[in-house]
Amino acid sequence: MKTISLSLLAAISISSCATGPNAQTGSVIGALGGAAVGGIIGNQSGRGLEGALIGGGLGALGGNAIGNSQDQRNSQYNNGYQNNGYQQQQRRPAGYYQNGQPYY
């Protein structure tokens, strides 16, 4: 079990993590949820701390991946929306010339 824990810890430490806002939030939430679930499952076999460590590491990686995916989707949406001519144009009420001057 120590070999698995050390291998998991090494994999987590050398893997690159995305740094977007959703990726960071996902990492924290995933780590907390994974540690809780891993602790509960590990407690059933008498190794609650090891289960919490493994669950926290896997949860952090999973949460980071999901958050990074959301960050990329948001970036693509925002870039495509602005660069493809879909910008919302300001509309003038009726009774205005093109230069913005009202006519009476």
PDB file of N, CA and C in Angstrom:
ATOM      1  N   MET A   1       0.825  -1.193   0.000  1.00  0.00           N
ATOM      2  CA  MET A   1       0.000   0.000   0.000  1.00  0.00           C
ATOM      3  C   MET A   1       0.868   1.255   0.000  1.00  0.00           C
ATOM      4  N   LYS A   2       2.023   1.176   0.657  1.00  0.00           N
ATOM      5  CA  LYS A   2       2.907   2.335   0.674  1.00  0.00           C
ATOM      6  C   LYS A   2       3.430   2.631  -0.723  1.00  0.00           C
ATOM      7  N   THR A   3       3.679   1.585  -1.498  1.00  0.00           N
ATOM      8  CA  THR A   3       4.166   1.776  -2.864  1.00  0.00           C
ATOM      9  C   THR A   3       3.123   2.496  -3.707  1.00  0.00           C
ATOM     10  N   ILE A   4       1.868   2.110  -3.546  1.00  0.00           N
ATOM     11  CA  ILE A   4       0.798   2.760  -4.299  1.00  0.00           C
ATOM     12  C   ILE A   4       0.672   4.215  -3.882  1.00  0.00           C
ATOM     13  N   SER A   5       0.731   4.477  -2.584  1.00  0.00           N
ATOM     14  CA  SER A   5       0.612   5.846  -2.099  1.00  0.00           C
ATOM     15  C   SER A   5       1.755   6.712  -2.597  1.00  0.00           C
ATOM     16  N   LEU A   6       2.973   6.188  -2.549  1.00  0.00           N
ATOM     17  CA  LEU A   6       4.118   6.957  -3.021  1.00  0.00           C
ATOM     18  C   LEU A   6       4.066   7.168  -4.533  1.00  0.00           C
ATOM     19  N   SER A   7       3.618   6.164  -5.266  1.00  0.00           N
ATOM     20  CA  SER A   7       3.497   6.308  -6.715  1.00  0.00           C
ATOM     21  C   SER A   7       2.461   7.352  -7.071  1.00  0.00           C
ATOM     22  N   LEU A   8       1.343   7.341  -6.373  1.00  0.00           N
ATOM     23  CA  LEU A   8       0.295   8.325  -6.612  1.00  0.00           C
ATOM     24  C   LEU A   8       0.774   9.723  -6.259  1.00  0.00           C
ATOM     25  N   LEU A   9       1.472   9.856  -5.151  1.00  0.00           N
ATOM     26  CA  LEU A   9       2.008  11.148  -4.746  1.00  0.00           C
ATOM     27  C   LEU A   9       3.017  11.666  -5.768  1.00  0.00           C
ATOM     28  N   ALA A  10       3.865  10.802  -6.287  1.00  0.00           N
ATOM     29  CA  ALA A  10       4.838  11.211  -7.304  1.00  0.00           C
ATOM     30  C   ALA A  10       4.147  11.634  -8.591  1.00  0.00           C
ATOM     31  N   ALA A  11       3.118  10.897  -8.986  1.00  0.00           N
ATOM     32  CA  ALA A  11       2.390  11.243 -10.210  1.00  0.00           C
ATOM     33  C   ALA A  11       1.686  12.583 -10.071  1.00  0.00           C
ATOM     34  N   ILE A  12       1.135  12.844  -8.920  1.00  0.00           N
ATOM     35  CA  ILE A  12       0.441  14.108  -8.700  1.00  0.00           C
ATOM     36  C   ILE A  12       1.425  15.269  -8.683  1.00  0.00           C
ATOM     37  N   SER A  13       2.578  15.069  -8.085  1.00  0.00           N
ATOM     38  CA  SER A  13       3.533  16.170  -7.954  1.00  0.00           C
ATOM     39  C   SER A  13       4.183  16.552  -9.272  1.00  0.00           C
ATOM     40  N   ILE A  14       4.334  15.598 -10.199  1.00  0.00           N
ATOM     41  CA  ILE A  14       4.983  15.943 -11.463  1.00  0.00           C
ATOM     42  C   ILE A  14       3.984  16.249 -12.573  1.00  0.00           C
ATOM     43  N   SER A  15       2.710  16.027 -12.353  1.00  0.00           N
ATOM     44  CA  SER A  15       1.731  16.331 -13.393  1.00  0.00           C
ATOM     45  C   SER A  15       1.470  17.833 -13.401  1.00  0.00           C
ATOM     46  N   SER A  16       1.249  18.353 -14.591  1.00  0.00           N
ATOM     47  CA  SER A  16       1.001  19.785 -14.700  1.00  0.00           C
ATOM     48  C   SER A  16      -0.477  20.043 -14.446  1.00  0.00           C
ATOM     49  N   CYS A  17      -0.725  21.080 -13.711  1.00  0.00           N
ATOM     50  CA  CYS A  17      -2.100  21.452 -13.399  1.00  0.00           C
ATOM     51  C   CYS A  17      -2.434  22.745 -14.116  1.00  0.00           C
ATOM     52  N   ALA A  18      -3.644  22.840 -14.623  1.00  0.00           N
ATOM     53  CA  ALA A  18      -4.093  24.064 -15.257  1.00  0.00           C
ATOM     54  C   ALA A  18      -4.327  25.116 -14.181  1.00  0.00           C
ATOM     55  N   THR A  19      -4.251  26.376 -14.577  1.00  0.00           N
ATOM     56  CA  THR A  19      -4.316  27.435 -13.573  1.00  0.00           C
ATOM     57  C   THR A  19      -5.497  28.367 -13.764  1.00  0.00           C
ATOM     58  N   GLY A  20      -6.491  27.993 -14.538  1.00  0.00           N
ATOM     59  CA  GLY A  20      -7.660  28.841 -14.707  1.00  0.00           C
ATOM     60  C   GLY A  20      -8.485  28.873 -13.431  1.00  0.00           C
ATOM     61  N   PRO A  21      -9.411  29.814 -13.326  1.00  0.00           N
ATOM     62  CA  PRO A  21     -10.202  29.933 -12.094  1.00  0.00           C
ATOM     63  C   PRO A  21     -11.063  28.704 -11.808  1.00  0.00           C
ATOM     64  N   ASN A  22     -11.684  28.140 -12.826  1.00  0.00           N
ATOM     65  CA  ASN A  22     -12.499  26.944 -12.607  1.00  0.00           C
ATOM     66  C   ASN A  22     -11.634  25.727 -12.313  1.00  0.00           C
ATOM     67  N   ALA A  23     -10.433  25.674 -12.887  1.00  0.00           N
ATOM     68  CA  ALA A  23      -9.527  24.551 -12.638  1.00  0.00           C
ATOM     69  C   ALA A  23      -9.045  24.568 -11.194  1.00  0.00           C
ATOM     70  N   GLN A  24      -8.737  25.739 -10.688  1.00  0.00           N
ATOM     71  CA  GLN A  24      -8.283  25.837  -9.301  1.00  0.00           C
ATOM     72  C   GLN A  24      -9.405  25.490  -8.333  1.00  0.00           C
ATOM     73  N   THR A  25     -10.583  26.008  -8.602  1.00  0.00           N
ATOM     74  CA  THR A  25     -11.724  25.699  -7.745  1.00  0.00           C
ATOM     75  C   THR A  25     -12.060  24.217  -7.811  1.00  0.00           C
ATOM     76  N   GLY A  26     -12.016  23.644  -9.010  1.00  0.00           N
ATOM     77  CA  GLY A  26     -12.290  22.222  -9.170  1.00  0.00           C
ATOM     78  C   GLY A  26     -11.289  21.352  -8.435  1.00  0.00           C
ATOM     79  N   SER A  27     -10.020  21.784  -8.420  1.00  0.00           N
ATOM     80  CA  SER A  27      -8.997  21.014  -7.701  1.00  0.00           C
ATOM     81  C   SER A  27      -9.290  20.970  -6.209  1.00  0.00           C
ATOM     82  N   VAL A  28      -9.640  22.110  -5.655  1.00  0.00           N
ATOM     83  CA  VAL A  28      -9.905  22.172  -4.211  1.00  0.00           C
ATOM     84  C   VAL A  28     -11.147  21.361  -3.857  1.00  0.00           C
ATOM     85  N   ILE A  29     -12.208  21.562  -4.613  1.00  0.00           N
ATOM     86  CA  ILE A  29     -13.450  20.845  -4.318  1.00  0.00           C
ATOM     87  C   ILE A  29     -13.268  19.348  -4.537  1.00  0.00           C
ATOM     88  N   GLY A  30     -12.568  18.975  -5.613  1.00  0.00           N
ATOM     89  CA  GLY A  30     -12.312  17.558  -5.879  1.00  0.00           C
ATOM     90  C   GLY A  30     -11.462  16.914  -4.805  1.00  0.00           C
ATOM     91  N   ALA A  31     -10.445  17.647  -4.318  1.00  0.00           N
ATOM     92  CA  ALA A  31      -9.583  17.104  -3.266  1.00  0.00           C
ATOM     93  C   ALA A  31     -10.359  16.892  -1.970  1.00  0.00           C
ATOM     94  N   LEU A  32     -11.187  17.853  -1.612  1.00  0.00           N
ATOM     95  CA  LEU A  32     -11.969  17.709  -0.375  1.00  0.00           C
ATOM     96  C   LEU A  32     -12.977  16.568  -0.482  1.00  0.00           C
ATOM     97  N   GLY A  33     -13.690  16.518  -1.608  1.00  0.00           N
ATOM     98  CA  GLY A  33     -14.665  15.439  -1.786  1.00  0.00           C
ATOM     99  C   GLY A  33     -13.997  14.079  -1.877  1.00  0.00           C
ATOM    100  N   GLY A  34     -12.877  14.007  -2.598  1.00  0.00           N
ATOM    101  CA  GLY A  34     -12.162  12.740  -2.733  1.00  0.00           C
ATOM    102  C   GLY A  34     -11.584  12.269  -1.419  1.00  0.00           C
ATOM    103  N   ALA A  35     -11.073  13.203  -0.612  1.00  0.00           N
ATOM    104  CA  ALA A  35     -10.528  12.834   0.694  1.00  0.00           C
ATOM    105  C   ALA A  35     -11.628  12.307   1.615  1.00  0.00           C
ATOM    106  N   ALA A  36     -12.793  12.939   1.550  1.00  0.00           N
ATOM    107  CA  ALA A  36     -13.899  12.482   2.395  1.00  0.00           C
ATOM    108  C   ALA A  36     -14.352  11.080   1.990  1.00  0.00           C
ATOM    109  N   VAL A  37     -14.561  10.887   0.703  1.00  0.00           N
ATOM    110  CA  VAL A  37     -15.016   9.579   0.234  1.00  0.00           C
ATOM    111  C   VAL A  37     -13.932   8.529   0.455  1.00  0.00           C
ATOM    112  N   GLY A  38     -12.672   8.883   0.155  1.00  0.00           N
ATOM    113  CA  GLY A  38     -11.569   7.946   0.351  1.00  0.00           C
ATOM    114  C   GLY A  38     -11.380   7.581   1.807  1.00  0.00           C
ATOM    115  N   GLY A  39     -11.585   8.554   2.696  1.00  0.00           N
ATOM    116  CA  GLY A  39     -11.483   8.269   4.127  1.00  0.00           C
ATOM    117  C   GLY A  39     -12.560   7.317   4.606  1.00  0.00           C
ATOM    118  N   ILE A  40     -13.765   7.508   4.084  1.00  0.00           N
ATOM    119  CA  ILE A  40     -14.868   6.625   4.475  1.00  0.00           C
ATOM    120  C   ILE A  40     -14.628   5.211   3.958  1.00  0.00           C
ATOM    121  N   ILE A  41     -14.233   5.120   2.690  1.00  0.00           N
ATOM    122  CA  ILE A  41     -13.994   3.794   2.118  1.00  0.00           C
ATOM    123  C   ILE A  41     -12.782   3.136   2.772  1.00  0.00           C
ATOM    124  N   GLY A  42     -11.717   3.913   2.994  1.00  0.00           N
ATOM    125  CA  GLY A  42     -10.524   3.366   3.625  1.00  0.00           C
ATOM    126  C   GLY A  42     -10.760   2.947   5.055  1.00  0.00           C
ATOM    127  N   ASN A  43     -11.679   3.612   5.732  1.00  0.00           N
ATOM    128  CA  ASN A  43     -11.992   3.267   7.115  1.00  0.00           C
ATOM    129  C   ASN A  43     -12.617   1.879   7.205  1.00  0.00           C
ATOM    130  N   GLN A  44     -13.317   1.464   6.171  1.00  0.00           N
ATOM    131  CA  GLN A  44     -13.929   0.144   6.171  1.00  0.00           C
ATOM    132  C   GLN A  44     -12.878  -0.973   6.182  1.00  0.00           C
ATOM    133  N   SER A  45     -11.705  -0.669   5.615  1.00  0.00           N
ATOM    134  CA  SER A  45     -10.639  -1.670   5.616  1.00  0.00           C
ATOM    135  C   SER A  45      -9.587  -1.394   6.688  1.00  0.00           C
ATOM    136  N   GLY A  46      -9.825  -0.410   7.533  1.00  0.00           N
ATOM    137  CA  GLY A  46      -8.895  -0.096   8.613  1.00  0.00           C
ATOM    138  C   GLY A  46      -7.752   0.813   8.190  1.00  0.00           C
ATOM    139  N   ARG A  47      -7.821   1.423   7.031  1.00  0.00           N
ATOM    140  CA  ARG A  47      -6.770   2.314   6.548  1.00  0.00           C
ATOM    141  C   ARG A  47      -7.389   3.620   6.079  1.00  0.00           C
ATOM    142  N   GLY A  48      -7.984   4.328   7.012  1.00  0.00           N
ATOM    143  CA  GLY A  48      -8.694   5.564   6.686  1.00  0.00           C
ATOM    144  C   GLY A  48      -7.797   6.668   6.172  1.00  0.00           C
ATOM    145  N   LEU A  49      -6.609   6.837   6.757  1.00  0.00           N
ATOM    146  CA  LEU A  49      -5.706   7.903   6.342  1.00  0.00           C
ATOM    147  C   LEU A  49      -5.185   7.671   4.926  1.00  0.00           C
ATOM    148  N   GLU A  50      -4.807   6.443   4.624  1.00  0.00           N
ATOM    149  CA  GLU A  50      -4.333   6.144   3.275  1.00  0.00           C
ATOM    150  C   GLU A  50      -5.447   6.334   2.258  1.00  0.00           C
ATOM    151  N   GLY A  51      -6.643   5.930   2.604  1.00  0.00           N
ATOM    152  CA  GLY A  51      -7.783   6.126   1.708  1.00  0.00           C
ATOM    153  C   GLY A  51      -8.062   7.598   1.467  1.00  0.00           C
ATOM    154  N   ALA A  52      -7.938   8.404   2.523  1.00  0.00           N
ATOM    155  CA  ALA A  52      -8.160   9.840   2.374  1.00  0.00           C
ATOM    156  C   ALA A  52      -7.092  10.476   1.492  1.00  0.00           C
ATOM    157  N   LEU A  53      -5.842  10.040   1.635  1.00  0.00           N
ATOM    158  CA  LEU A  53      -4.768  10.587   0.803  1.00  0.00           C
ATOM    159  C   LEU A  53      -4.953  10.226  -0.668  1.00  0.00           C
ATOM    160  N   ILE A  54      -5.250   8.969  -0.918  1.00  0.00           N
ATOM    161  CA  ILE A  54      -5.449   8.538  -2.298  1.00  0.00           C
ATOM    162  C   ILE A  54      -6.685   9.208  -2.888  1.00  0.00           C
ATOM    163  N   GLY A  55      -7.762   9.240  -2.138  1.00  0.00           N
ATOM    164  CA  GLY A  55      -8.985   9.881  -2.623  1.00  0.00           C
ATOM    165  C   GLY A  55      -8.800  11.364  -2.860  1.00  0.00           C
ATOM    166  N   GLY A  56      -8.054  12.032  -1.983  1.00  0.00           N
ATOM    167  CA  GLY A  56      -7.797  13.460  -2.156  1.00  0.00           C
ATOM    168  C   GLY A  56      -6.975  13.737  -3.404  1.00  0.00           C
ATOM    169  N   GLY A  57      -5.965  12.909  -3.643  1.00  0.00           N
ATOM    170  CA  GLY A  57      -5.138  13.095  -4.840  1.00  0.00           C
ATOM    171  C   GLY A  57      -5.905  12.866  -6.124  1.00  0.00           C
ATOM    172  N   LEU A  58      -6.657  11.779  -6.155  1.00  0.00           N
ATOM    173  CA  LEU A  58      -7.442  11.485  -7.357  1.00  0.00           C
ATOM    174  C   LEU A  58      -8.555  12.515  -7.561  1.00  0.00           C
ATOM    175  N   GLY A  59      -9.159  12.955  -6.470  1.00  0.00           N
ATOM    176  CA  GLY A  59     -10.205  13.973  -6.574  1.00  0.00           C
ATOM    177  C   GLY A  59      -9.652  15.298  -7.076  1.00  0.00           C
ATOM    178  N   ALA A  60      -8.449  15.658  -6.628  1.00  0.00           N
ATOM    179  CA  ALA A  60      -7.832  16.903  -7.092  1.00  0.00           C
ATOM    180  C   ALA A  60      -7.538  16.837  -8.580  1.00  0.00           C
ATOM    181  N   LEU A  61      -7.018  15.706  -9.046  1.00  0.00           N
ATOM    182  CA  LEU A  61      -6.736  15.560 -10.479  1.00  0.00           C
ATOM    183  C   LEU A  61      -8.020  15.602 -11.304  1.00  0.00           C
ATOM    184  N   GLY A  62      -9.035  14.908 -10.843  1.00  0.00           N
ATOM    185  CA  GLY A  62     -10.298  14.906 -11.561  1.00  0.00           C
ATOM    186  C   GLY A  62     -10.967  16.273 -11.573  1.00  0.00           C
ATOM    187  N   GLY A  63     -10.961  16.944 -10.430  1.00  0.00           N
ATOM    188  CA  GLY A  63     -11.547  18.277 -10.352  1.00  0.00           C
ATOM    189  C   GLY A  63     -10.804  19.283 -11.207  1.00  0.00           C
ATOM    190  N   ASN A  64      -9.489  19.149 -11.257  1.00  0.00           N
ATOM    191  CA  ASN A  64      -8.688  20.040 -12.095  1.00  0.00           C
ATOM    192  C   ASN A  64      -8.999  19.815 -13.566  1.00  0.00           C
ATOM    193  N   ALA A  65      -9.146  18.576 -13.971  1.00  0.00           N
ATOM    194  CA  ALA A  65      -9.448  18.279 -15.374  1.00  0.00           C
ATOM    195  C   ALA A  65     -10.815  18.830 -15.771  1.00  0.00           C
ATOM    196  N   ILE A  66     -11.793  18.664 -14.898  1.00  0.00           N
ATOM    197  CA  ILE A  66     -13.138  19.165 -15.200  1.00  0.00           C
ATOM    198  C   ILE A  66     -13.143  20.690 -15.230  1.00  0.00           C
ATOM    199  N   GLY A  67     -12.480  21.321 -14.249  1.00  0.00           N
ATOM    200  CA  GLY A  67     -12.416  22.782 -14.224  1.00  0.00           C
ATOM    201  C   GLY A  67     -11.661  23.352 -15.411  1.00  0.00           C
ATOM    202  N   ASN A  68     -10.583  22.687 -15.828  1.00  0.00           N
ATOM    203  CA  ASN A  68      -9.831  23.142 -16.991  1.00  0.00           C
ATOM    204  C   ASN A  68     -10.675  23.042 -18.254  1.00  0.00           C
ATOM    205  N   SER A  69     -11.468  21.992 -18.365  1.00  0.00           N
ATOM    206  CA  SER A  69     -12.361  21.851 -19.505  1.00  0.00           C
ATOM    207  C   SER A  69     -13.369  22.997 -19.551  1.00  0.00           C
ATOM    208  N   GLN A  70     -13.889  23.363 -18.404  1.00  0.00           N
ATOM    209  CA  GLN A  70     -14.840  24.479 -18.338  1.00  0.00           C
ATOM    210  C   GLN A  70     -14.158  25.798 -18.700  1.00  0.00           C
ATOM    211  N   ASP A  71     -12.916  25.993 -18.249  1.00  0.00           N
ATOM    212  CA  ASP A  71     -12.171  27.206 -18.602  1.00  0.00           C
ATOM    213  C   ASP A  71     -11.943  27.290 -20.103  1.00  0.00           C
ATOM    214  N   GLN A  72     -11.594  26.173 -20.729  1.00  0.00           N
ATOM    215  CA  GLN A  72     -11.369  26.173 -22.174  1.00  0.00           C
ATOM    216  C   GLN A  72     -12.664  26.448 -22.925  1.00  0.00           C
ATOM    217  N   ARG A  73     -13.750  25.870 -22.464  1.00  0.00           N
ATOM    218  CA  ARG A  73     -15.048  26.100 -23.110  1.00  0.00           C
ATOM    219  C   ARG A  73     -15.447  27.570 -22.998  1.00  0.00           C
ATOM    220  N   ASN A  74     -15.231  28.165 -21.824  1.00  0.00           N
ATOM    221  CA  ASN A  74     -15.550  29.575 -21.653  1.00  0.00           C
ATOM    222  C   ASN A  74     -14.683  30.448 -22.552  1.00  0.00           C
ATOM    223  N   SER A  75     -13.406  30.108 -22.660  1.00  0.00           N
ATOM    224  CA  SER A  75     -12.491  30.885 -23.498  1.00  0.00           C
ATOM    225  C   SER A  75     -12.891  30.802 -24.962  1.00  0.00           C
ATOM    226  N   GLN A  76     -13.216  29.607 -25.434  1.00  0.00           N
ATOM    227  CA  GLN A  76     -13.630  29.454 -26.827  1.00  0.00           C
ATOM    228  C   GLN A  76     -14.923  30.194 -27.097  1.00  0.00           C
ATOM    229  N   TYR A  77     -15.838  30.139 -26.168  1.00  0.00           N
ATOM    230  CA  TYR A  77     -17.112  30.827 -26.346  1.00  0.00           C
ATOM    231  C   TYR A  77     -16.897  32.328 -26.410  1.00  0.00           C
ATOM    232  N   ASN A  78     -16.110  32.861 -25.474  1.00  0.00           N
ATOM    233  CA  ASN A  78     -15.887  34.304 -25.446  1.00  0.00           C
ATOM    234  C   ASN A  78     -15.109  34.779 -26.661  1.00  0.00           C
ATOM    235  N   ASN A  79     -14.078  34.065 -27.079  1.00  0.00           N
ATOM    236  CA  ASN A  79     -13.309  34.467 -28.247  1.00  0.00           C
ATOM    237  C   ASN A  79     -14.131  34.367 -29.517  1.00  0.00           C
ATOM    238  N   GLY A  80     -14.868  33.299 -29.673  1.00  0.00           N
ATOM    239  CA  GLY A  80     -15.689  33.138 -30.862  1.00  0.00           C
ATOM    240  C   GLY A  80     -16.812  34.139 -30.924  1.00  0.00           C
ATOM    241  N   TYR A  81     -17.368  34.463 -29.802  1.00  0.00           N
ATOM    242  CA  TYR A  81     -18.485  35.400 -29.753  1.00  0.00           C
ATOM    243  C   TYR A  81     -18.031  36.796 -30.119  1.00  0.00           C
ATOM    244  N   GLN A  82     -16.825  37.165 -29.706  1.00  0.00           N
ATOM    245  CA  GLN A  82     -16.343  38.511 -29.984  1.00  0.00           C
ATOM    246  C   GLN A  82     -15.681  38.616 -31.349  1.00  0.00           C
ATOM    247  N   ASN A  83     -14.979  37.583 -31.801  1.00  0.00           N
ATOM    248  CA  ASN A  83     -14.199  37.679 -33.020  1.00  0.00           C
ATOM    249  C   ASN A  83     -14.975  37.328 -34.287  1.00  0.00           C
ATOM    250  N   ASN A  84     -16.117  36.725 -34.166  1.00  0.00           N
ATOM    251  CA  ASN A  84     -16.866  36.319 -35.353  1.00  0.00           C
ATOM    252  C   ASN A  84     -17.971  37.300 -35.725  1.00  0.00           C
ATOM    253  N   GLY A  85     -17.929  38.488 -35.188  1.00  0.00           N
ATOM    254  CA  GLY A  85     -18.900  39.495 -35.556  1.00  0.00           C
ATOM    255  C   GLY A  85     -20.228  39.366 -34.860  1.00  0.00           C
ATOM    256  N   TYR A  86     -20.283  38.628 -33.785  1.00  0.00           N
ATOM    257  CA  TYR A  86     -21.547  38.474 -33.071  1.00  0.00           C
ATOM    258  C   TYR A  86     -21.678  39.451 -31.920  1.00  0.00           C
ATOM    259  N   GLN A  87     -20.909  40.518 -31.967  1.00  0.00           N
ATOM    260  CA  GLN A  87     -20.988  41.482 -30.879  1.00  0.00           C
ATOM    261  C   GLN A  87     -22.343  42.172 -30.931  1.00  0.00           C
ATOM    262  N   GLN A  88     -22.871  42.386 -29.771  1.00  0.00           N
ATOM    263  CA  GLN A  88     -24.163  43.037 -29.704  1.00  0.00           C
ATOM    264  C   GLN A  88     -23.979  44.521 -30.002  1.00  0.00           C
ATOM    265  N   GLN A  89     -24.682  45.018 -30.984  1.00  0.00           N
ATOM    266  CA  GLN A  89     -24.545  46.417 -31.354  1.00  0.00           C
ATOM    267  C   GLN A  89     -25.540  47.248 -30.559  1.00  0.00           C
ATOM    268  N   GLN A  90     -25.097  48.453 -30.264  1.00  0.00           N
ATOM    269  CA  GLN A  90     -25.950  49.354 -29.501  1.00  0.00           C
ATOM    270  C   GLN A  90     -27.038  49.882 -30.435  1.00  0.00           C
ATOM    271  N   ARG A  91     -28.262  49.758 -30.032  1.00  0.00           N
ATOM    272  CA  ARG A  91     -29.379  50.211 -30.844  1.00  0.00           C
ATOM    273  C   ARG A  91     -29.845  51.567 -30.354  1.00  0.00           C
ATOM    274  N   ARG A  92     -30.154  52.426 -31.306  1.00  0.00           N
ATOM    275  CA  ARG A  92     -30.675  53.753 -30.966  1.00  0.00           C
ATOM    276  C   ARG A  92     -32.201  53.708 -31.034  1.00  0.00           C
ATOM    277  N   PRO A  93     -32.839  54.452 -30.176  1.00  0.00           N
ATOM    278  CA  PRO A  93     -34.294  54.509 -30.277  1.00  0.00           C
ATOM    279  C   PRO A  93     -34.709  55.238 -31.554  1.00  0.00           C
ATOM    280  N   ALA A  94     -35.926  55.043 -31.966  1.00  0.00           N
ATOM    281  CA  ALA A  94     -36.438  55.708 -33.161  1.00  0.00           C
ATOM    282  C   ALA A  94     -36.364  57.218 -32.972  1.00  0.00           C
ATOM    283  N   GLY A  95     -36.063  57.922 -34.059  1.00  0.00           N
ATOM    284  CA  GLY A  95     -35.994  59.376 -33.993  1.00  0.00           C
ATOM    285  C   GLY A  95     -34.575  59.898 -33.928  1.00  0.00           C
ATOM    286  N   TYR A  96     -33.585  59.076 -34.274  1.00  0.00           N
ATOM    287  CA  TYR A  96     -32.188  59.502 -34.249  1.00  0.00           C
ATOM    288  C   TYR A  96     -31.562  59.257 -35.613  1.00  0.00           C
ATOM    289  N   TYR A  97     -30.704  60.187 -36.022  1.00  0.00           N
ATOM    290  CA  TYR A  97     -29.915  60.003 -37.236  1.00  0.00           C
ATOM    291  C   TYR A  97     -28.772  59.032 -36.965  1.00  0.00           C
ATOM    292  N   GLN A  98     -28.075  58.623 -38.038  1.00  0.00           N
ATOM    293  CA  GLN A  98     -26.955  57.713 -37.899  1.00  0.00           C
ATOM    294  C   GLN A  98     -25.835  58.277 -37.029  1.00  0.00           C
ATOM    295  N   ASN A  99     -25.644  59.606 -37.056  1.00  0.00           N
ATOM    296  CA  ASN A  99     -24.583  60.189 -36.259  1.00  0.00           C
ATOM    297  C   ASN A  99     -24.955  60.363 -34.790  1.00  0.00           C
ATOM    298  N   GLY A 100     -26.161  59.983 -34.431  1.00  0.00           N
ATOM    299  CA  GLY A 100     -26.578  60.043 -33.037  1.00  0.00           C
ATOM    300  C   GLY A 100     -27.360  61.284 -32.669  1.00  0.00           C
ATOM    301  N   GLN A 101     -27.502  62.200 -33.598  1.00  0.00           N
ATOM    302  CA  GLN A 101     -28.242  63.430 -33.322  1.00  0.00           C
ATOM    303  C   GLN A 101     -29.745  63.171 -33.435  1.00  0.00           C
ATOM    304  N   PRO A 102     -30.504  63.652 -32.505  1.00  0.00           N
ATOM    305  CA  PRO A 102     -31.954  63.438 -32.590  1.00  0.00           C
ATOM    306  C   PRO A 102     -32.560  64.386 -33.625  1.00  0.00           C
ATOM    307  N   TYR A 103     -33.615  63.940 -34.266  1.00  0.00           N
ATOM    308  CA  TYR A 103     -34.368  64.852 -35.127  1.00  0.00           C
ATOM    309  C   TYR A 103     -35.700  65.095 -34.463  1.00  0.00           C
ATOM    310  N   TYR A 104     -36.185  66.310 -34.652  1.00  0.00           N
ATOM    311  CA  TYR A 104     -37.385  66.734 -33.936  1.00  0.00           C
ATOM    312  C   TYR A 104     -38.583  66.825 -34.821  1.00  0.00           C
TER     313      TYR A 104
END
